Amino acid sequence: MLKVSDISEFDLINRLEHVLKKGATGIPGSYIETAIGDDAAVILPINSTQVVTTDTMVEDVHFKCDTTTMVELGWKAIAVNYSDIAAMGCLPIYSVITLGLKPDQFVQDIEDIYKGFTKISNSYGGEVVGGDVVKSDTFFISVTVVGQSSSGNILKRNNAKVGDLIGITGHIGCSSAGLEVLQYSNPMDMETQKHLIKAHNTPKPKLHDGQILASHGIKTAMDISDGLINDLKKICESSGVGAQIKTQDLPIDEHLKRAFPERHLEFAVSGGEDYELLFTGSEETIRSLKDQLKIEFNLIGSIHEGDPKVTVIDSEGAILDINEGGWDHFSSGKVT
């Protein structure tokens, strides 16, 4: 098979541009005048607030090539950035990609990564407009996404108020459980195994949910990338408040409970990379949002006065001593 070292950078870029054009099914973004093919992308004026986010995925730190396909890797590299855009209540407009490639990597694998880019762009919008390709001893993908607000309300971490209720979209814990399934042998039925692995390898950014939250009065949100307790603590620190959550109210799906009957709570509160939206709002605002049934979410606790920490209460009312866990880029792995 053809390797990266067998062709020029120009030829590789042409191949990747072809993958993007061939795989695109939507109408090109109205703000994009020139994408790939010139010295820089040309973006037309955008008459709304813009947000920018970036994220880098490094082989053997954030992913392993033997536990994810290249198409899945392309999807996830964009998805984690789209999740940040969703957490701000915005929608993606365009992305730029930098690839660090080893000379012995197969060109087909790189093309498959770009197929992953097109799949998620076709599903959620946005467009890859350029980037860079560099030779590297370590394989990595760095993505920057620019988004825009349609509601004019940008969701932030520092607006949580005493008395707010805490909500969360979807289910939590499946992604970190999926990572464990990929790394270790765990006996379980095939349906459950596929469900957990899919949650880890191809997360779904909650862009629609973020739009609904922003347009219905929610002011505070973030995505769950580093674990529920870890991320809720960030909201507390930014807002100068404390938080209390109840274990019986946590949205844990049946696949996770069935696969890990003794550990599902651990995955739910400490596991990372769920990419669900964690948010707070007044009781009136959240009750109104729940009555409208426009998004699926669960209420898991409340914001109170006190030190910026998260208290976890079990079904009997006892305070649990649970490590916040989550992901730390500068540790050797999971925080312990």
C-alpha atoms as a PDB file:
ATOM      1  CA  MET A   1       0.000   0.000   0.000  1.00  0.00           C
ATOM      2  CA  LEU A   2       1.057   3.580  -0.679  1.00  0.00           C
ATOM      3  CA  LYS A   3       2.748   5.277   2.277  1.00  0.00           C
ATOM      4  CA  VAL A   4       2.990   8.944   3.195  1.00  0.00           C
ATOM      5  CA  SER A   5       6.709   8.904   2.369  1.00  0.00           C
ATOM      6  CA  ASP A   6       5.928   7.707  -1.189  1.00  0.00           C
ATOM      7  CA  ILE A   7       4.157  10.895  -2.309  1.00  0.00           C
ATOM      8  CA  SER A   8       4.659  14.651  -2.022  1.00  0.00           C
ATOM      9  CA  GLU A   9       2.817  16.871   0.421  1.00  0.00           C
ATOM     10  CA  PHE A  10       1.072  18.527  -2.536  1.00  0.00           C
ATOM     11  CA  ASP A  11      -0.170  15.170  -3.847  1.00  0.00           C
ATOM     12  CA  LEU A  12      -1.398  14.160  -0.383  1.00  0.00           C
ATOM     13  CA  ILE A  13      -3.295  17.426   0.057  1.00  0.00           C
ATOM     14  CA  ASN A  14      -4.898  16.975  -3.359  1.00  0.00           C
ATOM     15  CA  ARG A  15      -6.020  13.482  -2.364  1.00  0.00           C
ATOM     16  CA  LEU A  16      -7.495  14.746   0.899  1.00  0.00           C
ATOM     17  CA  GLU A  17      -9.260  17.621  -0.833  1.00  0.00           C
ATOM     18  CA  HIS A  18     -10.776  15.077  -3.238  1.00  0.00           C
ATOM     19  CA  VAL A  19     -12.041  13.007  -0.287  1.00  0.00           C
ATOM     20  CA  LEU A  20     -13.733  16.073   1.203  1.00  0.00           C
ATOM     21  CA  LYS A  21     -15.378  17.099  -2.075  1.00  0.00           C
ATOM     22  CA  LYS A  22     -16.452  13.562  -2.953  1.00  0.00           C
ATOM     23  CA  GLY A  23     -17.934  12.902   0.478  1.00  0.00           C
ATOM     24  CA  ALA A  24     -19.750  16.216   0.921  1.00  0.00           C
ATOM     25  CA  THR A  25     -23.521  15.926   0.590  1.00  0.00           C
ATOM     26  CA  GLY A  26     -24.606  19.322   1.902  1.00  0.00           C
ATOM     27  CA  ILE A  27     -24.575  22.780   0.389  1.00  0.00           C
ATOM     28  CA  PRO A  28     -21.245  24.605   0.948  1.00  0.00           C
ATOM     29  CA  GLY A  29     -21.397  27.061   3.830  1.00  0.00           C
ATOM     30  CA  SER A  30     -22.654  30.488   2.795  1.00  0.00           C
ATOM     31  CA  TYR A  31     -19.749  32.122   4.628  1.00  0.00           C
ATOM     32  CA  ILE A  32     -17.056  30.159   2.784  1.00  0.00           C
ATOM     33  CA  GLU A  33     -15.821  31.847  -0.390  1.00  0.00           C
ATOM     34  CA  THR A  34     -12.583  29.862  -0.793  1.00  0.00           C
ATOM     35  CA  ALA A  35     -11.732  26.724   1.175  1.00  0.00           C
ATOM     36  CA  ILE A  36      -8.818  24.387   0.405  1.00  0.00           C
ATOM     37  CA  GLY A  37      -6.737  25.266  -2.633  1.00  0.00           C
ATOM     38  CA  ASP A  38      -5.249  28.682  -1.882  1.00  0.00           C
ATOM     39  CA  ASP A  39      -2.760  30.133   0.601  1.00  0.00           C
ATOM     40  CA  ALA A  40      -5.595  30.782   3.056  1.00  0.00           C
ATOM     41  CA  ALA A  41      -9.306  30.194   3.296  1.00  0.00           C
ATOM     42  CA  VAL A  42     -11.535  33.162   2.478  1.00  0.00           C
ATOM     43  CA  ILE A  43     -14.387  33.667   4.945  1.00  0.00           C
ATOM     44  CA  LEU A  44     -17.091  36.236   4.253  1.00  0.00           C
ATOM     45  CA  PRO A  45     -18.253  38.616   7.018  1.00  0.00           C
ATOM     46  CA  ILE A  46     -20.306  36.934   9.732  1.00  0.00           C
ATOM     47  CA  ASN A  47     -22.840  39.184  11.463  1.00  0.00           C
ATOM     48  CA  SER A  48     -23.058  37.335  14.766  1.00  0.00           C
ATOM     49  CA  THR A  49     -20.932  36.497  17.790  1.00  0.00           C
ATOM     50  CA  GLN A  50     -18.256  33.933  16.992  1.00  0.00           C
ATOM     51  CA  VAL A  51     -16.539  31.370  19.215  1.00  0.00           C
ATOM     52  CA  VAL A  52     -13.297  29.488  18.591  1.00  0.00           C
ATOM     53  CA  THR A  53     -12.109  26.198  20.059  1.00  0.00           C
ATOM     54  CA  THR A  54      -9.208  23.840  19.422  1.00  0.00           C
ATOM     55  CA  ASP A  55      -8.254  20.351  20.483  1.00  0.00           C
ATOM     56  CA  THR A  56      -5.363  18.001  19.731  1.00  0.00           C
ATOM     57  CA  MET A  57      -5.480  14.206  19.762  1.00  0.00           C
ATOM     58  CA  VAL A  58      -2.151  12.389  20.087  1.00  0.00           C
ATOM     59  CA  GLU A  59      -1.596   8.699  19.368  1.00  0.00           C
ATOM     60  CA  ASP A  60      -1.131   6.584  22.505  1.00  0.00           C
ATOM     61  CA  VAL A  61      -2.283   9.508  24.663  1.00  0.00           C
ATOM     62  CA  HIS A  62      -5.823  10.141  23.417  1.00  0.00           C
ATOM     63  CA  PHE A  63      -6.328   7.194  21.078  1.00  0.00           C
ATOM     64  CA  LYS A  64      -4.801   3.925  19.924  1.00  0.00           C
ATOM     65  CA  CYS A  65      -4.885   2.910  16.302  1.00  0.00           C
ATOM     66  CA  ASP A  66      -5.601  -0.716  17.181  1.00  0.00           C
ATOM     67  CA  THR A  67      -8.839   0.148  19.025  1.00  0.00           C
ATOM     68  CA  THR A  68     -10.376   2.677  16.652  1.00  0.00           C
ATOM     69  CA  THR A  69     -10.785   2.838  12.898  1.00  0.00           C
ATOM     70  CA  MET A  70      -9.402   5.815  10.990  1.00  0.00           C
ATOM     71  CA  VAL A  71     -12.924   6.873   9.987  1.00  0.00           C
ATOM     72  CA  GLU A  72     -13.933   6.849  13.657  1.00  0.00           C
ATOM     73  CA  LEU A  73     -10.809   8.826  14.531  1.00  0.00           C
ATOM     74  CA  GLY A  74     -11.688  11.505  11.970  1.00  0.00           C
ATOM     75  CA  TRP A  75     -15.228  11.694  13.339  1.00  0.00           C
ATOM     76  CA  LYS A  76     -14.076  12.002  16.940  1.00  0.00           C
ATOM     77  CA  ALA A  77     -11.380  14.602  16.217  1.00  0.00           C
ATOM     78  CA  ILE A  78     -14.116  16.920  14.919  1.00  0.00           C
ATOM     79  CA  ALA A  79     -16.770  15.794  17.430  1.00  0.00           C
ATOM     80  CA  VAL A  80     -14.806  16.810  20.523  1.00  0.00           C
ATOM     81  CA  ASN A  81     -14.497  20.329  19.124  1.00  0.00           C
ATOM     82  CA  TYR A  82     -18.133  20.458  18.035  1.00  0.00           C
ATOM     83  CA  SER A  83     -19.028  19.507  21.595  1.00  0.00           C
ATOM     84  CA  ASP A  84     -17.239  22.635  22.854  1.00  0.00           C
ATOM     85  CA  ILE A  85     -19.187  24.680  20.301  1.00  0.00           C
ATOM     86  CA  ALA A  86     -22.425  23.050  21.512  1.00  0.00           C
ATOM     87  CA  ALA A  87     -21.548  23.856  25.128  1.00  0.00           C
ATOM     88  CA  MET A  88     -21.441  27.551  24.193  1.00  0.00           C
ATOM     89  CA  GLY A  89     -24.892  27.333  22.591  1.00  0.00           C
ATOM     90  CA  CYS A  90     -23.448  27.815  19.111  1.00  0.00           C
ATOM     91  CA  LEU A  91     -23.197  26.056  15.747  1.00  0.00           C
ATOM     92  CA  PRO A  92     -20.010  25.222  13.787  1.00  0.00           C
ATOM     93  CA  ILE A  93     -19.121  27.207  10.665  1.00  0.00           C
ATOM     94  CA  TYR A  94     -15.709  25.942   9.586  1.00  0.00           C
ATOM     95  CA  SER A  95     -12.711  23.913  10.736  1.00  0.00           C
ATOM     96  CA  VAL A  96      -8.988  23.837  10.015  1.00  0.00           C
ATOM     97  CA  ILE A  97      -6.977  20.644  10.512  1.00  0.00           C
ATOM     98  CA  THR A  98      -3.286  20.058  11.210  1.00  0.00           C
ATOM     99  CA  LEU A  99      -1.983  16.508  10.784  1.00  0.00           C
ATOM    100  CA  GLY A 100       1.306  15.275  12.202  1.00  0.00           C
ATOM    101  CA  LEU A 101       2.120  12.197  10.122  1.00  0.00           C
ATOM    102  CA  LYS A 102       4.778   9.522  10.398  1.00  0.00           C
ATOM    103  CA  PRO A 103       6.446   8.643   7.073  1.00  0.00           C
ATOM    104  CA  ASP A 104       5.391   4.987   7.266  1.00  0.00           C
ATOM    105  CA  GLN A 105       1.670   5.697   7.637  1.00  0.00           C
ATOM    106  CA  PHE A 106      -0.570   4.513   4.830  1.00  0.00           C
ATOM    107  CA  VAL A 107      -2.159   7.135   2.586  1.00  0.00           C
ATOM    108  CA  GLN A 108      -5.422   5.162   2.642  1.00  0.00           C
ATOM    109  CA  ASP A 109      -5.570   5.591   6.424  1.00  0.00           C
ATOM    110  CA  ILE A 110      -5.223   9.362   6.104  1.00  0.00           C
ATOM    111  CA  GLU A 111      -7.937   9.406   3.453  1.00  0.00           C
ATOM    112  CA  ASP A 112     -10.160   7.412   5.821  1.00  0.00           C
ATOM    113  CA  ILE A 113      -9.641  10.044   8.515  1.00  0.00           C
ATOM    114  CA  TYR A 114     -10.948  12.627   6.058  1.00  0.00           C
ATOM    115  CA  LYS A 115     -13.921  10.390   5.328  1.00  0.00           C
ATOM    116  CA  GLY A 116     -14.651  10.658   9.041  1.00  0.00           C
ATOM    117  CA  PHE A 117     -14.438  14.445   8.746  1.00  0.00           C
ATOM    118  CA  THR A 118     -16.983  14.441   5.927  1.00  0.00           C
ATOM    119  CA  LYS A 119     -19.349  12.088   7.776  1.00  0.00           C
ATOM    120  CA  ILE A 120     -19.626  14.341  10.821  1.00  0.00           C
ATOM    121  CA  SER A 121     -19.766  17.512   8.713  1.00  0.00           C
ATOM    122  CA  ASN A 122     -22.626  16.022   6.703  1.00  0.00           C
ATOM    123  CA  SER A 123     -24.406  15.109   9.940  1.00  0.00           C
ATOM    124  CA  TYR A 124     -23.905  18.333  11.909  1.00  0.00           C
ATOM    125  CA  GLY A 125     -22.817  21.055   9.497  1.00  0.00           C
ATOM    126  CA  GLY A 126     -19.606  23.024   9.248  1.00  0.00           C
ATOM    127  CA  GLU A 127     -16.891  22.655   6.633  1.00  0.00           C
ATOM    128  CA  VAL A 128     -13.175  21.814   6.620  1.00  0.00           C
ATOM    129  CA  VAL A 129     -11.558  24.800   4.876  1.00  0.00           C
ATOM    130  CA  GLY A 130      -7.847  24.047   5.226  1.00  0.00           C
ATOM    131  CA  GLY A 131      -5.007  23.268   7.578  1.00  0.00           C
ATOM    132  CA  ASP A 132      -1.503  21.856   7.433  1.00  0.00           C
ATOM    133  CA  VAL A 133       0.355  18.564   7.074  1.00  0.00           C
ATOM    134  CA  VAL A 134       3.705  18.083   8.822  1.00  0.00           C
ATOM    135  CA  LYS A 135       6.168  15.240   9.239  1.00  0.00           C
ATOM    136  CA  SER A 136       6.237  14.048  12.843  1.00  0.00           C
ATOM    137  CA  ASP A 137       7.670  11.227  14.931  1.00  0.00           C
ATOM    138  CA  THR A 138       4.287  11.148  16.711  1.00  0.00           C
ATOM    139  CA  PHE A 139       0.970  10.840  14.908  1.00  0.00           C
ATOM    140  CA  PHE A 140      -1.450  13.586  15.934  1.00  0.00           C
ATOM    141  CA  ILE A 141      -4.525  15.477  14.729  1.00  0.00           C
ATOM    142  CA  SER A 142      -5.117  19.080  15.765  1.00  0.00           C
ATOM    143  CA  VAL A 143      -8.478  20.665  14.969  1.00  0.00           C
ATOM    144  CA  THR A 144      -9.652  24.265  15.322  1.00  0.00           C
ATOM    145  CA  VAL A 145     -13.343  25.053  14.859  1.00  0.00           C
ATOM    146  CA  VAL A 146     -15.040  28.432  14.537  1.00  0.00           C
ATOM    147  CA  GLY A 147     -18.710  28.625  15.470  1.00  0.00           C
ATOM    148  CA  GLN A 148     -21.412  31.247  15.667  1.00  0.00           C
ATOM    149  CA  SER A 149     -24.358  32.080  17.891  1.00  0.00           C
ATOM    150  CA  SER A 150     -27.782  32.336  16.332  1.00  0.00           C
ATOM    151  CA  SER A 151     -29.569  33.283  19.569  1.00  0.00           C
ATOM    152  CA  GLY A 152     -27.081  35.907  20.774  1.00  0.00           C
ATOM    153  CA  ASN A 153     -26.864  34.082  24.122  1.00  0.00           C
ATOM    154  CA  ILE A 154     -23.453  32.513  24.745  1.00  0.00           C
ATOM    155  CA  LEU A 155     -23.462  29.817  27.434  1.00  0.00           C
ATOM    156  CA  LYS A 156     -20.593  30.156  29.915  1.00  0.00           C
ATOM    157  CA  ARG A 157     -19.305  28.464  33.052  1.00  0.00           C
ATOM    158  CA  ASN A 158     -19.439  31.473  35.373  1.00  0.00           C
ATOM    159  CA  ASN A 159     -23.174  32.205  35.522  1.00  0.00           C
ATOM    160  CA  ALA A 160     -24.374  29.549  37.995  1.00  0.00           C
ATOM    161  CA  LYS A 161     -26.433  31.068  40.809  1.00  0.00           C
ATOM    162  CA  VAL A 162     -27.383  29.823  44.270  1.00  0.00           C
ATOM    163  CA  GLY A 163     -30.710  28.029  43.951  1.00  0.00           C
ATOM    164  CA  ASP A 164     -30.120  26.920  40.355  1.00  0.00           C
ATOM    165  CA  LEU A 165     -31.029  23.368  39.400  1.00  0.00           C
ATOM    166  CA  ILE A 166     -28.431  21.228  37.647  1.00  0.00           C
ATOM    167  CA  GLY A 167     -29.377  19.436  34.449  1.00  0.00           C
ATOM    168  CA  ILE A 168     -27.604  17.009  32.158  1.00  0.00           C
ATOM    169  CA  THR A 169     -28.443  15.775  28.661  1.00  0.00           C
ATOM    170  CA  GLY A 170     -28.407  12.126  27.607  1.00  0.00           C
ATOM    171  CA  HIS A 171     -26.600   9.462  29.623  1.00  0.00           C
ATOM    172  CA  ILE A 172     -23.183   9.430  31.275  1.00  0.00           C
ATOM    173  CA  GLY A 173     -20.491   6.850  31.908  1.00  0.00           C
ATOM    174  CA  CYS A 174     -20.724   4.812  28.719  1.00  0.00           C
ATOM    175  CA  SER A 175     -17.683   6.330  27.023  1.00  0.00           C
ATOM    176  CA  SER A 176     -15.221   5.557  29.807  1.00  0.00           C
ATOM    177  CA  ALA A 177     -16.762   2.099  30.138  1.00  0.00           C
ATOM    178  CA  GLY A 178     -16.274   1.669  26.396  1.00  0.00           C
ATOM    179  CA  LEU A 179     -12.607   2.555  26.772  1.00  0.00           C
ATOM    180  CA  GLU A 180     -12.251  -0.122  29.430  1.00  0.00           C
ATOM    181  CA  VAL A 181     -13.952  -2.656  27.157  1.00  0.00           C
ATOM    182  CA  LEU A 182     -11.413  -1.818  24.433  1.00  0.00           C
ATOM    183  CA  GLN A 183      -8.462  -2.111  26.798  1.00  0.00           C
ATOM    184  CA  TYR A 184      -9.436  -5.161  28.836  1.00  0.00           C
ATOM    185  CA  SER A 185     -11.383  -8.366  28.406  1.00  0.00           C
ATOM    186  CA  ASN A 186     -14.852  -7.971  29.927  1.00  0.00           C
ATOM    187  CA  PRO A 187     -17.469 -10.689  29.426  1.00  0.00           C
ATOM    188  CA  MET A 188     -20.741  -9.180  28.166  1.00  0.00           C
ATOM    189  CA  ASP A 189     -23.242  -9.579  25.360  1.00  0.00           C
ATOM    190  CA  MET A 190     -22.304  -8.224  21.941  1.00  0.00           C
ATOM    191  CA  GLU A 191     -25.056  -5.573  21.867  1.00  0.00           C
ATOM    192  CA  THR A 192     -23.837  -4.049  25.128  1.00  0.00           C
ATOM    193  CA  GLN A 193     -20.208  -4.190  24.017  1.00  0.00           C
ATOM    194  CA  LYS A 194     -20.989  -2.399  20.741  1.00  0.00           C
ATOM    195  CA  HIS A 195     -23.057   0.229  22.545  1.00  0.00           C
ATOM    196  CA  LEU A 196     -20.248   1.116  24.957  1.00  0.00           C
ATOM    197  CA  ILE A 197     -17.503   1.121  22.313  1.00  0.00           C
ATOM    198  CA  LYS A 198     -19.601   3.304  20.010  1.00  0.00           C
ATOM    199  CA  ALA A 199     -20.128   5.789  22.840  1.00  0.00           C
ATOM    200  CA  HIS A 200     -16.357   6.087  23.171  1.00  0.00           C
ATOM    201  CA  ASN A 201     -15.255   6.060  19.532  1.00  0.00           C
ATOM    202  CA  THR A 202     -18.025   8.080  17.862  1.00  0.00           C
ATOM    203  CA  PRO A 203     -19.533  10.546  20.367  1.00  0.00           C
ATOM    204  CA  LYS A 204     -22.445  12.694  19.229  1.00  0.00           C
ATOM    205  CA  PRO A 205     -21.995  16.413  19.941  1.00  0.00           C
ATOM    206  CA  LYS A 206     -25.174  17.924  21.384  1.00  0.00           C
ATOM    207  CA  LEU A 207     -25.370  20.893  19.029  1.00  0.00           C
ATOM    208  CA  HIS A 208     -29.175  20.894  18.830  1.00  0.00           C
ATOM    209  CA  ASP A 209     -29.464  20.679  22.614  1.00  0.00           C
ATOM    210  CA  GLY A 210     -27.031  23.561  23.081  1.00  0.00           C
ATOM    211  CA  GLN A 211     -29.108  25.702  20.712  1.00  0.00           C
ATOM    212  CA  ILE A 212     -32.288  24.921  22.647  1.00  0.00           C
ATOM    213  CA  LEU A 213     -30.646  25.741  25.984  1.00  0.00           C
ATOM    214  CA  ALA A 214     -29.266  29.043  24.686  1.00  0.00           C
ATOM    215  CA  SER A 215     -32.578  30.114  23.169  1.00  0.00           C
ATOM    216  CA  HIS A 216     -34.647  29.235  26.255  1.00  0.00           C
ATOM    217  CA  GLY A 217     -32.923  31.244  28.955  1.00  0.00           C
ATOM    218  CA  ILE A 218     -30.120  28.969  30.158  1.00  0.00           C
ATOM    219  CA  LYS A 219     -26.937  30.947  30.906  1.00  0.00           C
ATOM    220  CA  THR A 220     -24.511  28.341  32.258  1.00  0.00           C
ATOM    221  CA  ALA A 221     -23.269  25.185  30.546  1.00  0.00           C
ATOM    222  CA  MET A 222     -20.245  23.126  29.611  1.00  0.00           C
ATOM    223  CA  ASP A 223     -19.672  19.747  28.010  1.00  0.00           C
ATOM    224  CA  ILE A 224     -18.653  16.693  30.002  1.00  0.00           C
ATOM    225  CA  SER A 225     -15.219  15.833  28.665  1.00  0.00           C
ATOM    226  CA  ASP A 226     -13.249  15.307  31.884  1.00  0.00           C
ATOM    227  CA  GLY A 227     -15.876  13.581  34.043  1.00  0.00           C
ATOM    228  CA  LEU A 228     -19.088  14.787  35.712  1.00  0.00           C
ATOM    229  CA  ILE A 229     -17.628  15.739  39.108  1.00  0.00           C
ATOM    230  CA  ASN A 230     -14.490  17.208  37.589  1.00  0.00           C
ATOM    231  CA  ASP A 231     -16.452  19.373  35.142  1.00  0.00           C
ATOM    232  CA  LEU A 232     -19.173  20.417  37.588  1.00  0.00           C
ATOM    233  CA  LYS A 233     -16.396  21.520  39.928  1.00  0.00           C
ATOM    234  CA  LYS A 234     -15.115  23.805  37.140  1.00  0.00           C
ATOM    235  CA  ILE A 235     -18.536  25.466  36.978  1.00  0.00           C
ATOM    236  CA  CYS A 236     -18.471  25.875  40.761  1.00  0.00           C
ATOM    237  CA  GLU A 237     -14.999  27.427  40.696  1.00  0.00           C
ATOM    238  CA  SER A 238     -15.901  29.793  37.860  1.00  0.00           C
ATOM    239  CA  SER A 239     -19.165  30.860  39.522  1.00  0.00           C
ATOM    240  CA  GLY A 240     -18.022  30.908  43.157  1.00  0.00           C
ATOM    241  CA  VAL A 241     -20.652  28.415  44.347  1.00  0.00           C
ATOM    242  CA  GLY A 242     -20.986  24.842  45.577  1.00  0.00           C
ATOM    243  CA  ALA A 243     -23.017  21.979  44.117  1.00  0.00           C
ATOM    244  CA  GLN A 244     -24.851  18.918  45.374  1.00  0.00           C
ATOM    245  CA  ILE A 245     -25.901  15.984  43.206  1.00  0.00           C
ATOM    246  CA  LYS A 246     -27.934  12.869  44.006  1.00  0.00           C
ATOM    247  CA  THR A 247     -26.822   9.461  42.738  1.00  0.00           C
ATOM    248  CA  GLN A 248     -30.377   8.197  42.211  1.00  0.00           C
ATOM    249  CA  ASP A 249     -31.008  10.989  39.723  1.00  0.00           C
ATOM    250  CA  LEU A 250     -27.963  10.366  37.526  1.00  0.00           C
ATOM    251  CA  PRO A 251     -28.851   9.286  33.954  1.00  0.00           C
ATOM    252  CA  ILE A 252     -27.109   5.906  33.701  1.00  0.00           C
ATOM    253  CA  ASP A 253     -28.343   3.672  30.898  1.00  0.00           C
ATOM    254  CA  GLU A 254     -29.152  -0.012  31.190  1.00  0.00           C
ATOM    255  CA  HIS A 255     -26.231  -1.144  29.004  1.00  0.00           C
ATOM    256  CA  LEU A 256     -23.757   0.330  31.480  1.00  0.00           C
ATOM    257  CA  LYS A 257     -25.591  -1.045  34.517  1.00  0.00           C
ATOM    258  CA  ARG A 258     -25.736  -4.494  32.928  1.00  0.00           C
ATOM    259  CA  ALA A 259     -22.068  -4.509  31.924  1.00  0.00           C
ATOM    260  CA  PHE A 260     -20.711  -3.107  35.184  1.00  0.00           C
ATOM    261  CA  PRO A 261     -23.257  -3.735  37.976  1.00  0.00           C
ATOM    262  CA  GLU A 262     -20.716  -2.894  40.694  1.00  0.00           C
ATOM    263  CA  ARG A 263     -18.996   0.017  38.968  1.00  0.00           C
ATOM    264  CA  HIS A 264     -21.573   1.915  36.909  1.00  0.00           C
ATOM    265  CA  LEU A 265     -21.697   4.775  39.437  1.00  0.00           C
ATOM    266  CA  GLU A 266     -17.917   5.120  39.270  1.00  0.00           C
ATOM    267  CA  PHE A 267     -18.037   5.462  35.482  1.00  0.00           C
ATOM    268  CA  ALA A 268     -20.947   7.911  35.655  1.00  0.00           C
ATOM    269  CA  VAL A 269     -19.400  10.392  38.088  1.00  0.00           C
ATOM    270  CA  SER A 270     -15.700  10.040  37.254  1.00  0.00           C
ATOM    271  CA  GLY A 271     -15.529   8.857  33.649  1.00  0.00           C
ATOM    272  CA  GLY A 272     -14.685  11.316  30.908  1.00  0.00           C
ATOM    273  CA  GLU A 273     -15.483  11.873  27.228  1.00  0.00           C
ATOM    274  CA  ASP A 274     -19.262  11.601  27.447  1.00  0.00           C
ATOM    275  CA  TYR A 275     -19.667  14.946  25.651  1.00  0.00           C
ATOM    276  CA  GLU A 276     -23.108  15.483  27.116  1.00  0.00           C
ATOM    277  CA  LEU A 277     -24.099  18.995  28.205  1.00  0.00           C
ATOM    278  CA  LEU A 278     -24.038  19.929  31.883  1.00  0.00           C
ATOM    279  CA  PHE A 279     -26.015  23.074  32.678  1.00  0.00           C
ATOM    280  CA  THR A 280     -27.688  25.092  35.429  1.00  0.00           C
ATOM    281  CA  GLY A 281     -30.650  27.433  35.524  1.00  0.00           C
ATOM    282  CA  SER A 282     -33.335  28.805  37.789  1.00  0.00           C
ATOM    283  CA  GLU A 283     -36.093  26.409  38.774  1.00  0.00           C
ATOM    284  CA  GLU A 284     -38.594  28.413  36.719  1.00  0.00           C
ATOM    285  CA  THR A 285     -36.400  28.351  33.596  1.00  0.00           C
ATOM    286  CA  ILE A 286     -35.592  24.652  33.787  1.00  0.00           C
ATOM    287  CA  ARG A 287     -39.148  23.576  34.639  1.00  0.00           C
ATOM    288  CA  SER A 288     -40.380  25.547  31.629  1.00  0.00           C
ATOM    289  CA  LEU A 289     -37.721  23.918  29.459  1.00  0.00           C
ATOM    290  CA  LYS A 290     -38.703  20.464  30.695  1.00  0.00           C
ATOM    291  CA  ASP A 291     -42.395  21.106  30.043  1.00  0.00           C
ATOM    292  CA  GLN A 292     -41.662  21.909  26.394  1.00  0.00           C
ATOM    293  CA  LEU A 293     -40.078  18.479  25.805  1.00  0.00           C
ATOM    294  CA  LYS A 294     -37.703  19.818  23.133  1.00  0.00           C
ATOM    295  CA  ILE A 295     -34.632  18.030  24.491  1.00  0.00           C
ATOM    296  CA  GLU A 296     -34.027  15.030  26.738  1.00  0.00           C
ATOM    297  CA  PHE A 297     -32.378  15.870  30.047  1.00  0.00           C
ATOM    298  CA  ASN A 298     -32.394  14.926  33.723  1.00  0.00           C
ATOM    299  CA  LEU A 299     -32.187  17.054  36.846  1.00  0.00           C
ATOM    300  CA  ILE A 300     -29.402  15.744  39.062  1.00  0.00           C
ATOM    301  CA  GLY A 301     -28.939  18.322  41.829  1.00  0.00           C
ATOM    302  CA  SER A 302     -28.703  21.972  42.762  1.00  0.00           C
ATOM    303  CA  ILE A 303     -26.332  24.898  43.293  1.00  0.00           C
ATOM    304  CA  HIS A 304     -25.810  26.250  46.812  1.00  0.00           C
ATOM    305  CA  GLU A 305     -23.649  28.649  48.780  1.00  0.00           C
ATOM    306  CA  GLY A 306     -20.272  27.451  49.973  1.00  0.00           C
ATOM    307  CA  ASP A 307     -16.861  26.372  48.839  1.00  0.00           C
ATOM    308  CA  PRO A 308     -16.551  25.490  45.134  1.00  0.00           C
ATOM    309  CA  LYS A 309     -16.853  21.744  45.527  1.00  0.00           C
ATOM    310  CA  VAL A 310     -19.254  18.991  44.526  1.00  0.00           C
ATOM    311  CA  THR A 311     -21.066  16.949  47.180  1.00  0.00           C
ATOM    312  CA  VAL A 312     -22.471  13.568  46.142  1.00  0.00           C
ATOM    313  CA  ILE A 313     -25.494  12.236  48.092  1.00  0.00           C
ATOM    314  CA  ASP A 314     -26.711   8.636  47.908  1.00  0.00           C
ATOM    315  CA  SER A 315     -30.322   7.430  48.039  1.00  0.00           C
ATOM    316  CA  GLU A 316     -30.182   7.264  51.850  1.00  0.00           C
ATOM    317  CA  GLY A 317     -29.031  10.864  52.165  1.00  0.00           C
ATOM    318  CA  ALA A 318     -25.447   9.978  53.071  1.00  0.00           C
ATOM    319  CA  ILE A 319     -22.508  11.896  51.631  1.00  0.00           C
ATOM    320  CA  LEU A 320     -20.332   9.674  49.467  1.00  0.00           C
ATOM    321  CA  ASP A 321     -16.562   9.969  49.358  1.00  0.00           C
ATOM    322  CA  ILE A 322     -16.032   9.672  45.602  1.00  0.00           C
ATOM    323  CA  ASN A 323     -12.829  10.650  43.866  1.00  0.00           C
ATOM    324  CA  GLU A 324     -13.534  13.242  41.170  1.00  0.00           C
ATOM    325  CA  GLY A 325     -11.446  11.261  38.692  1.00  0.00           C
ATOM    326  CA  GLY A 326     -11.708  12.341  35.093  1.00  0.00           C
ATOM    327  CA  TRP A 327      -9.026  13.041  32.558  1.00  0.00           C
ATOM    328  CA  ASP A 328      -5.924  15.121  33.201  1.00  0.00           C
ATOM    329  CA  HIS A 329      -3.670  15.784  30.193  1.00  0.00           C
ATOM    330  CA  PHE A 330      -0.600  16.120  32.394  1.00  0.00           C
ATOM    331  CA  SER A 331      -1.002  12.937  34.410  1.00  0.00           C
ATOM    332  CA  SER A 332      -0.016   9.465  33.291  1.00  0.00           C
ATOM    333  CA  GLY A 333      -3.649   8.603  32.664  1.00  0.00           C
ATOM    334  CA  LYS A 334      -6.789   8.787  34.706  1.00  0.00           C
ATOM    335  CA  VAL A 335      -6.607  11.057  37.727  1.00  0.00           C
ATOM    336  CA  THR A 336      -6.305   9.043  40.919  1.00  0.00           C
END
